[in-house]
Amino acid sequence: MNIMSSVLLSSHSLEGKTIILGITGSIAAVRCVELARELMRHGANVHAVMTKEAQKIIHPEAMKYATGNCVVTEITGAVEHVGFCGIGGGASILLIAPCTANTIGKIAHGIDDTTVTTFATTAFGSGIPIMIVPAMHESMYNHPIVIENIGKLTGLGVEFINPVMEEGAAKIASTDEVVLRIEKALCKKTLAGKRIIITGGATAEAIDPIRMITNRASGKTGVELALEAFRRGAEVTLVHRGCIGIQGICEFNIESAADMTETVLDELGKGYDLLISAAAISDFTVKLSKEKIKSGKEVVMKLKPAPKLIKEARRKYPDLKIIGFKAETGISEDELIKLARSSMETLSLSMVVANDVSSGGMGTEDNEVYLIDSGIRRVSGSKREIAASIMDKVEALI
């Protein structure tokens, strides 16, 4: 049996990209060291540009330390804004994080009286993409003129990352979300125009109003698949018992196998190019007790088969492309592949991702799987890396 084996490396999704990080006078500026370092971990070259108000909150030397590059604190005869954001400049994107209401208003009206607004004006004139991450008090964010300015800039092609509303403040979005959105903005849109629905994690079957039976699946693979499809430009729907809360990814929070099956089948009616069934859906369900089952005595529960999502999806949508997952324990490599092939043929699947979970995979950060379609490929690494390998296959599939 000819199996290609690979151990994947860490993410270099922003390799070769130059990110200009504009920092304005919000207390959220203290997050910029962390943000810059995370962008660099993904391969980016980061240059910080700071307003005078930002320098009152975080020292330029901190950003020089974080990025390894000199910080632009004023526009000099070196015309830094042109070198980075002018026509033919070195910037891949101008990221303004955090961005105050004041700076949003200035950019919306073409005012460039700070280093950051001058960079923004120059980027507009040369077609360099701009991404803004607002941070301010909630009452300021709700100001109708601020809302109008955000709408105006959005209409001009500026991408906004919505803030997190907490404690009366529109707080800066998480570092993970900012990095993800930068990746999406700068990576190739190889799945643009494609609609993908993904299931992930464990389902749970209620026994009584308090207890339930479930399995050990963490849902990390489903989440990583959704994030990778999103990076590559797909329209993504994720159905799972959880919430990642990423702007641009549609999520359905479900509990039981029946809930998941019904939700997915309803969504598929809206038109999708692919179903990736990565969830560890319960094979069995039980009759629900309306009251808590009393403890202290032996209880006998009768299990009955739960609905099979892939079977129902194939019956209702015979032409739909589907990728299935096959998890087994304590069997040989040949037997695992044989079972995966059988599922693939029986359900007309485009690909099966198979693994033996007795040695790991469920609830772990990494995994080793077989990608089985017309050939067989063994892939090991983090679940993000495995998701990337699966999406490489998806690009050829749809």
Protein backbone atom coordinates (compact mmCIF):
# COMPACT_ATOMS: atom_id res chain seq x y z
CA MET A 1 0.00 0.00 0.00
CA ASN A 2 1.55 3.32 -1.08
CA ILE A 3 1.00 5.89 1.69
CA MET A 4 2.57 9.37 1.54
CA SER A 5 3.57 10.49 5.05
CA SER A 6 4.13 14.07 6.16
CA VAL A 7 4.83 15.94 9.37
CA LEU A 8 3.69 19.52 8.95
CA LEU A 9 5.48 22.61 10.17
CA SER A 10 4.12 25.52 12.19
CA SER A 11 2.09 28.25 10.51
CA HIS A 12 3.84 30.65 8.15
CA SER A 13 0.61 32.11 6.83
CA LEU A 14 1.94 35.69 6.84
CA GLU A 15 5.43 34.93 5.55
CA GLY A 16 6.66 37.75 3.32
CA LYS A 17 3.91 40.16 4.39
CA THR A 18 4.65 43.61 5.78
CA ILE A 19 2.05 44.89 8.23
CA ILE A 20 1.96 48.54 9.28
CA LEU A 21 0.46 48.64 12.77
CA GLY A 22 -1.09 52.05 13.43
CA ILE A 23 -1.57 52.71 17.14
CA THR A 24 -3.81 55.51 18.44
CA GLY A 25 -4.56 56.92 21.88
CA SER A 26 -6.76 54.22 23.43
CA ILE A 27 -5.85 52.38 26.62
CA ALA A 28 -6.10 49.24 24.46
CA ALA A 29 -2.71 50.29 23.03
CA VAL A 30 -1.20 48.20 25.83
CA ARG A 31 -2.30 45.13 23.83
CA CYS A 32 -0.13 46.04 20.85
CA VAL A 33 3.05 44.32 22.02
CA GLU A 34 1.14 41.03 22.19
CA LEU A 35 -0.55 41.68 18.84
CA ALA A 36 2.70 42.53 17.08
CA ARG A 37 4.42 39.44 18.45
CA GLU A 38 1.56 37.17 17.37
CA LEU A 39 1.60 38.57 13.84
CA MET A 40 5.35 37.95 13.73
CA ARG A 41 4.89 34.35 14.93
CA HIS A 42 2.89 33.83 11.75
CA GLY A 43 5.78 35.17 9.66
CA ALA A 44 4.86 38.86 9.25
CA ASN A 45 7.26 41.81 9.28
CA VAL A 46 5.61 44.42 11.54
CA HIS A 47 6.31 48.17 11.64
CA ALA A 48 4.58 50.32 14.27
CA VAL A 49 3.31 53.85 13.65
CA MET A 50 2.20 55.75 16.76
CA THR A 51 0.29 58.96 17.37
CA LYS A 52 1.45 61.33 20.10
CA GLU A 53 -1.53 60.28 22.23
CA ALA A 54 -0.60 56.61 21.84
CA GLN A 55 2.91 57.39 23.06
CA LYS A 56 1.40 58.59 26.36
CA ILE A 57 0.01 55.10 26.93
CA ILE A 58 2.77 52.82 25.62
CA HIS A 59 6.38 53.83 25.02
CA PRO A 60 7.73 53.60 21.45
CA GLU A 61 10.68 51.59 22.79
CA ALA A 62 8.24 48.85 23.80
CA MET A 63 7.02 48.60 20.22
CA LYS A 64 10.58 48.72 18.88
CA TYR A 65 11.40 45.81 21.17
CA ALA A 66 8.24 43.95 20.11
CA THR A 67 8.75 44.37 16.35
CA GLY A 68 12.51 44.64 16.01
CA ASN A 69 11.96 47.72 13.82
CA CYS A 70 12.24 51.45 14.43
CA VAL A 71 8.90 53.04 15.31
CA VAL A 72 7.45 55.90 13.29
CA THR A 73 6.46 58.60 15.77
CA GLU A 74 6.55 61.54 13.33
CA ILE A 75 6.68 62.14 9.60
CA THR A 76 10.18 63.25 8.63
CA GLY A 77 12.07 64.06 5.48
CA ALA A 78 12.30 60.31 4.92
CA VAL A 79 8.56 60.42 4.00
CA GLU A 80 7.89 57.20 5.88
CA HIS A 81 4.20 57.16 4.87
CA VAL A 82 5.11 57.11 1.18
CA GLY A 83 7.80 54.46 1.59
CA PHE A 84 5.34 52.09 3.22
CA CYS A 85 1.89 53.09 1.97
CA GLY A 86 2.57 55.07 -1.18
CA ILE A 87 2.25 53.72 -4.72
CA GLY A 88 4.64 50.79 -4.92
CA GLY A 89 5.24 51.01 -1.16
CA GLY A 90 6.33 48.10 0.98
CA ALA A 91 3.15 47.63 3.04
CA SER A 92 0.86 44.67 2.50
CA ILE A 93 -1.84 46.18 4.74
CA LEU A 94 -2.37 49.07 7.15
CA LEU A 95 -3.82 47.73 10.42
CA ILE A 96 -5.01 50.42 12.84
CA ALA A 97 -5.42 48.78 16.24
CA PRO A 98 -6.67 50.21 18.48
CA CYS A 99 -8.47 52.95 16.61
CA THR A 100 -10.26 55.74 18.49
CA ALA A 101 -13.48 57.49 17.47
CA ASN A 102 -11.39 60.59 16.81
CA THR A 103 -9.13 58.79 14.32
CA ILE A 104 -12.09 57.10 12.61
CA GLY A 105 -13.68 60.52 12.11
CA LYS A 106 -10.49 62.05 10.75
CA ILE A 107 -9.89 59.23 8.27
CA ALA A 108 -13.52 59.39 7.12
CA HIS A 109 -13.12 63.08 6.33
CA GLY A 110 -9.64 62.97 4.79
CA ILE A 111 -7.90 64.71 7.70
CA ASP A 112 -4.28 63.69 8.18
CA ASP A 113 -2.88 65.60 11.15
CA THR A 114 -1.30 62.59 12.92
CA THR A 115 1.17 59.95 11.80
CA VAL A 116 -1.58 57.30 11.63
CA THR A 117 -4.06 59.44 9.66
CA THR A 118 -1.32 60.45 7.22
CA PHE A 119 -0.52 56.77 6.64
CA ALA A 120 -4.25 56.12 6.12
CA THR A 121 -4.63 58.93 3.59
CA THR A 122 -1.62 57.62 1.67
CA ALA A 123 -2.89 54.03 1.76
CA PHE A 124 -6.25 55.15 0.35
CA GLY A 125 -4.53 56.91 -2.52
CA SER A 126 -2.41 53.89 -3.43
CA GLY A 127 -4.98 51.14 -2.94
CA ILE A 128 -3.27 49.45 0.01
CA PRO A 129 -5.91 47.65 2.12
CA ILE A 130 -6.87 49.17 5.48
CA MET A 131 -8.21 47.29 8.48
CA ILE A 132 -9.53 49.11 11.57
CA VAL A 133 -10.02 47.68 15.05
CA PRO A 134 -12.07 50.20 17.07
CA ALA A 135 -11.75 50.61 20.84
CA MET A 136 -13.59 53.23 22.90
CA HIS A 137 -16.36 53.72 25.45
CA GLU A 138 -19.63 52.10 24.39
CA SER A 139 -21.46 55.44 24.42
CA MET A 140 -18.92 56.84 21.94
CA TYR A 141 -19.22 53.79 19.69
CA ASN A 142 -23.01 54.25 19.67
CA HIS A 143 -22.75 57.91 18.62
CA PRO A 144 -24.69 58.29 15.34
CA ILE A 145 -21.84 60.22 13.71
CA VAL A 146 -19.32 57.51 14.65
CA ILE A 147 -21.70 54.92 13.21
CA GLU A 148 -22.05 57.05 10.08
CA ASN A 149 -18.25 57.37 9.76
CA ILE A 150 -17.78 53.61 10.10
CA GLY A 151 -20.43 53.08 7.43
CA LYS A 152 -18.75 55.58 5.15
CA LEU A 153 -15.35 53.95 5.50
CA THR A 154 -16.83 50.48 5.06
CA GLY A 155 -18.37 51.70 1.81
CA LEU A 156 -14.90 52.85 0.73
CA GLY A 157 -13.49 49.38 1.27
CA VAL A 158 -12.10 49.67 4.79
CA GLU A 159 -12.56 46.45 6.78
CA PHE A 160 -13.67 46.79 10.41
CA ILE A 161 -13.30 44.20 13.16
CA ASN A 162 -16.18 44.67 15.56
CA PRO A 163 -15.29 45.40 19.20
CA VAL A 164 -16.32 43.27 22.17
CA MET A 165 -19.01 44.99 24.24
CA GLU A 166 -18.20 44.59 27.94
CA GLU A 167 -18.48 46.73 31.08
CA GLY A 168 -19.77 49.75 29.19
CA ALA A 169 -16.86 49.69 26.75
CA ALA A 170 -16.37 48.74 23.12
CA LYS A 171 -13.20 46.76 23.81
CA ILE A 172 -10.63 45.85 21.20
CA ALA A 173 -11.24 42.48 19.52
CA SER A 174 -9.16 39.51 20.64
CA THR A 175 -5.65 39.10 19.28
CA ASP A 176 -6.63 35.74 17.76
CA GLU A 177 -9.49 37.31 15.80
CA VAL A 178 -7.34 40.19 14.55
CA VAL A 179 -4.65 37.77 13.35
CA LEU A 180 -7.28 35.56 11.70
CA ARG A 181 -8.81 38.51 9.85
CA ILE A 182 -5.36 39.67 8.71
CA GLU A 183 -4.67 36.15 7.42
CA LYS A 184 -7.98 36.17 5.55
CA ALA A 185 -7.24 39.60 4.06
CA LEU A 186 -3.74 38.65 2.87
CA CYS A 187 -4.01 34.95 2.01
CA LYS A 188 -5.09 33.70 -1.41
CA LYS A 189 -8.89 33.43 -1.72
CA THR A 190 -8.74 29.90 -3.11
CA LEU A 191 -12.21 29.06 -1.77
CA ALA A 192 -13.90 32.38 -2.55
CA GLY A 193 -17.51 31.93 -3.62
CA LYS A 194 -17.76 28.46 -2.05
CA ARG A 195 -20.21 27.61 0.74
CA ILE A 196 -19.05 25.01 3.25
CA ILE A 197 -20.96 23.65 6.26
CA ILE A 198 -18.89 21.94 8.96
CA THR A 199 -19.95 19.95 12.01
CA GLY A 200 -17.65 19.62 15.00
CA GLY A 201 -17.27 18.26 18.49
CA ALA A 202 -19.45 15.99 20.55
CA THR A 203 -23.21 15.93 20.72
CA ALA A 204 -24.98 15.15 24.02
CA GLU A 205 -28.12 13.13 24.75
CA ALA A 206 -30.17 14.19 27.76
CA ILE A 207 -31.00 11.50 30.34
CA ASP A 208 -32.98 13.77 32.65
CA PRO A 209 -33.16 17.58 33.18
CA ILE A 210 -29.65 17.51 34.71
CA ARG A 211 -27.66 14.61 33.27
CA MET A 212 -26.55 13.69 29.77
CA ILE A 213 -24.36 11.17 27.95
CA THR A 214 -21.73 12.37 25.52
CA ASN A 215 -18.20 11.54 24.31
CA ARG A 216 -14.66 12.86 24.59
CA ALA A 217 -14.49 14.88 21.36
CA SER A 218 -13.29 18.45 22.02
CA GLY A 219 -14.47 20.03 18.75
CA LYS A 220 -11.01 21.47 18.02
CA THR A 221 -10.79 19.85 14.59
CA GLY A 222 -14.16 21.26 13.51
CA VAL A 223 -13.17 24.73 14.69
CA GLU A 224 -9.81 24.57 12.89
CA LEU A 225 -11.51 23.43 9.69
CA ALA A 226 -13.93 26.36 9.92
CA LEU A 227 -11.10 28.84 10.53
CA GLU A 228 -9.01 27.48 7.66
CA ALA A 229 -11.93 27.60 5.22
CA PHE A 230 -12.61 31.16 6.38
CA ARG A 231 -8.96 32.16 5.81
CA ARG A 232 -9.22 30.90 2.24
CA GLY A 233 -12.31 32.98 1.52
CA ALA A 234 -15.13 30.45 1.85
CA GLU A 235 -18.53 31.26 3.28
CA VAL A 236 -18.50 29.06 6.39
CA THR A 237 -21.20 27.65 8.66
CA LEU A 238 -20.14 25.76 11.81
CA VAL A 239 -22.61 23.54 13.68
CA HIS A 240 -21.38 22.45 17.12
CA ARG A 241 -21.85 22.59 20.88
CA GLY A 242 -19.93 25.79 21.40
CA CYS A 243 -19.29 29.34 20.22
CA ILE A 244 -16.10 30.76 18.72
CA GLY A 245 -17.73 34.15 18.03
CA ILE A 246 -15.77 35.07 14.90
CA GLN A 247 -17.32 37.83 12.81
CA GLY A 248 -18.02 36.33 9.38
CA ILE A 249 -18.48 32.69 10.46
CA CYS A 250 -22.10 31.61 10.88
CA GLU A 251 -22.54 29.38 13.95
CA PHE A 252 -25.32 27.13 15.20
CA ASN A 253 -25.12 25.91 18.78
CA ILE A 254 -26.76 22.51 19.11
CA GLU A 255 -26.88 19.75 21.72
CA SER A 256 -28.24 16.40 20.55
CA ALA A 257 -27.65 14.27 17.47
CA ALA A 258 -31.21 15.03 16.38
CA ASP A 259 -30.57 18.79 16.81
CA MET A 260 -27.42 18.60 14.71
CA THR A 261 -29.04 16.51 11.98
CA GLU A 262 -32.09 18.76 11.73
CA THR A 263 -29.99 21.96 11.71
CA VAL A 264 -27.60 20.71 9.02
CA LEU A 265 -30.36 19.36 6.77
CA ASP A 266 -32.25 22.67 7.03
CA GLU A 267 -29.09 24.64 6.20
CA LEU A 268 -28.21 22.41 3.26
CA GLY A 269 -31.51 23.43 1.71
CA LYS A 270 -30.03 26.95 1.33
CA GLY A 271 -27.37 25.66 -1.04
CA TYR A 272 -23.88 24.48 -0.08
CA ASP A 273 -20.94 23.17 -2.08
CA LEU A 274 -19.66 20.83 0.63
CA LEU A 275 -20.54 19.19 3.96
CA ILE A 276 -17.63 18.26 6.23
CA SER A 277 -19.00 16.00 8.94
CA ALA A 278 -16.21 16.20 11.53
CA ALA A 279 -18.47 15.93 14.60
CA ALA A 280 -18.45 12.88 16.86
CA ILE A 281 -22.22 12.54 16.69
CA SER A 282 -23.84 10.30 19.29
CA ASP A 283 -24.68 6.85 17.93
CA PHE A 284 -27.32 6.31 20.59
CA THR A 285 -29.94 8.30 22.45
CA VAL A 286 -32.15 7.52 25.43
CA LYS A 287 -35.70 8.19 26.51
CA LEU A 288 -35.68 11.44 28.49
CA SER A 289 -36.92 11.35 32.07
CA LYS A 290 -38.93 14.50 32.76
CA GLU A 291 -37.73 14.51 36.37
CA LYS A 292 -34.29 14.01 37.88
CA ILE A 293 -33.51 10.32 38.29
CA LYS A 294 -32.95 9.68 41.99
CA SER A 295 -29.44 8.63 42.96
CA GLY A 296 -28.52 5.72 45.21
CA LYS A 297 -29.99 2.89 43.19
CA GLU A 298 -29.15 0.99 40.05
CA VAL A 299 -30.61 2.45 36.89
CA VAL A 300 -31.08 0.62 33.61
CA MET A 301 -31.21 2.75 30.46
CA LYS A 302 -32.31 1.49 27.09
CA LEU A 303 -30.30 2.96 24.23
CA LYS A 304 -31.80 3.44 20.80
CA PRO A 305 -30.01 4.46 17.58
CA ALA A 306 -29.64 8.21 17.01
CA PRO A 307 -30.23 9.67 13.52
CA LYS A 308 -27.29 9.33 11.12
CA LEU A 309 -26.50 12.75 9.66
CA ILE A 310 -24.51 11.63 6.63
CA LYS A 311 -27.09 9.02 5.63
CA GLU A 312 -29.89 11.58 5.86
CA ALA A 313 -27.87 14.22 4.01
CA ARG A 314 -27.02 11.77 1.21
CA ARG A 315 -30.66 10.65 0.92
CA LYS A 316 -31.99 14.22 0.79
CA TYR A 317 -29.16 15.75 -1.27
CA PRO A 318 -27.84 12.99 -3.55
CA ASP A 319 -25.43 15.26 -5.46
CA LEU A 320 -23.89 16.96 -2.42
CA LYS A 321 -20.14 16.54 -1.91
CA ILE A 322 -19.48 15.18 1.58
CA ILE A 323 -16.31 14.56 3.58
CA GLY A 324 -16.75 12.11 6.44
CA PHE A 325 -14.64 11.23 9.48
CA LYS A 326 -13.98 7.69 10.72
CA ALA A 327 -12.68 7.13 14.26
CA GLU A 328 -11.82 3.61 15.45
CA THR A 329 -9.84 2.09 18.33
CA GLY A 330 -7.30 -0.69 18.57
CA ILE A 331 -7.26 -1.83 14.97
CA SER A 332 -4.50 -2.14 12.39
CA GLU A 333 -3.70 0.49 9.81
CA ASP A 334 -4.96 -1.75 7.03
CA GLU A 335 -8.25 -2.43 8.82
CA LEU A 336 -8.79 1.27 9.54
CA ILE A 337 -8.30 2.14 5.87
CA LYS A 338 -10.54 -0.76 4.80
CA LEU A 339 -13.38 0.48 7.05
CA ALA A 340 -12.93 4.04 5.80
CA ARG A 341 -13.06 2.86 2.18
CA SER A 342 -16.25 0.92 2.94
CA SER A 343 -17.92 4.05 4.39
CA MET A 344 -16.74 6.08 1.43
CA GLU A 345 -18.29 3.68 -1.08
CA THR A 346 -21.52 3.04 0.86
CA LEU A 347 -22.28 6.74 1.37
CA SER A 348 -20.70 8.08 -1.85
CA LEU A 349 -18.27 10.28 0.08
CA SER A 350 -15.66 12.41 -1.65
CA MET A 351 -13.12 11.78 1.10
CA VAL A 352 -12.83 10.15 4.53
CA VAL A 353 -10.53 11.35 7.32
CA ALA A 354 -9.71 8.31 9.44
CA ASN A 355 -7.74 7.76 12.63
CA ASP A 356 -7.26 5.41 15.55
CA VAL A 357 -8.20 7.44 18.64
CA SER A 358 -6.95 4.85 21.13
CA SER A 359 -3.50 6.43 20.86
CA GLY A 360 -4.67 10.07 20.90
CA GLY A 361 -6.59 12.62 18.88
CA MET A 362 -9.70 13.11 20.99
CA GLY A 363 -9.28 16.18 23.18
CA THR A 364 -5.64 16.66 22.16
CA GLU A 365 -3.95 19.57 20.38
CA ASP A 366 -2.44 17.35 17.69
CA ASN A 367 -3.39 14.23 15.81
CA GLU A 368 -2.40 11.73 13.14
CA VAL A 369 -4.94 10.95 10.45
CA TYR A 370 -5.31 9.32 7.03
CA LEU A 371 -6.84 11.37 4.21
CA ILE A 372 -8.49 8.80 1.99
CA ASP A 373 -9.91 9.63 -1.44
CA SER A 374 -8.55 8.20 -4.67
CA GLY A 375 -5.29 7.80 -2.78
CA ILE A 376 -4.13 7.64 0.81
CA ARG A 377 -2.11 10.25 2.67
CA ARG A 378 -1.01 10.09 6.30
CA VAL A 379 -0.76 13.50 7.96
CA SER A 380 0.40 14.32 11.48
CA GLY A 381 0.75 17.59 13.35
CA SER A 382 -1.40 20.16 15.09
CA LYS A 383 -5.10 20.17 14.31
CA ARG A 384 -4.64 23.49 12.51
CA GLU A 385 -2.03 21.88 10.27
CA ILE A 386 -4.26 18.89 9.62
CA ALA A 387 -7.14 21.24 8.77
CA ALA A 388 -4.87 22.99 6.25
CA SER A 389 -4.09 19.64 4.57
CA ILE A 390 -7.80 18.82 4.39
CA MET A 391 -8.56 22.23 2.85
CA ASP A 392 -5.85 21.67 0.25
CA LYS A 393 -7.87 18.62 -0.81
CA VAL A 394 -11.10 20.63 -0.67
CA GLU A 395 -9.71 23.18 -3.12
CA ALA A 396 -9.29 20.44 -5.71
CA LEU A 397 -12.66 18.91 -4.84
CA ILE A 398 -14.95 21.93 -5.22
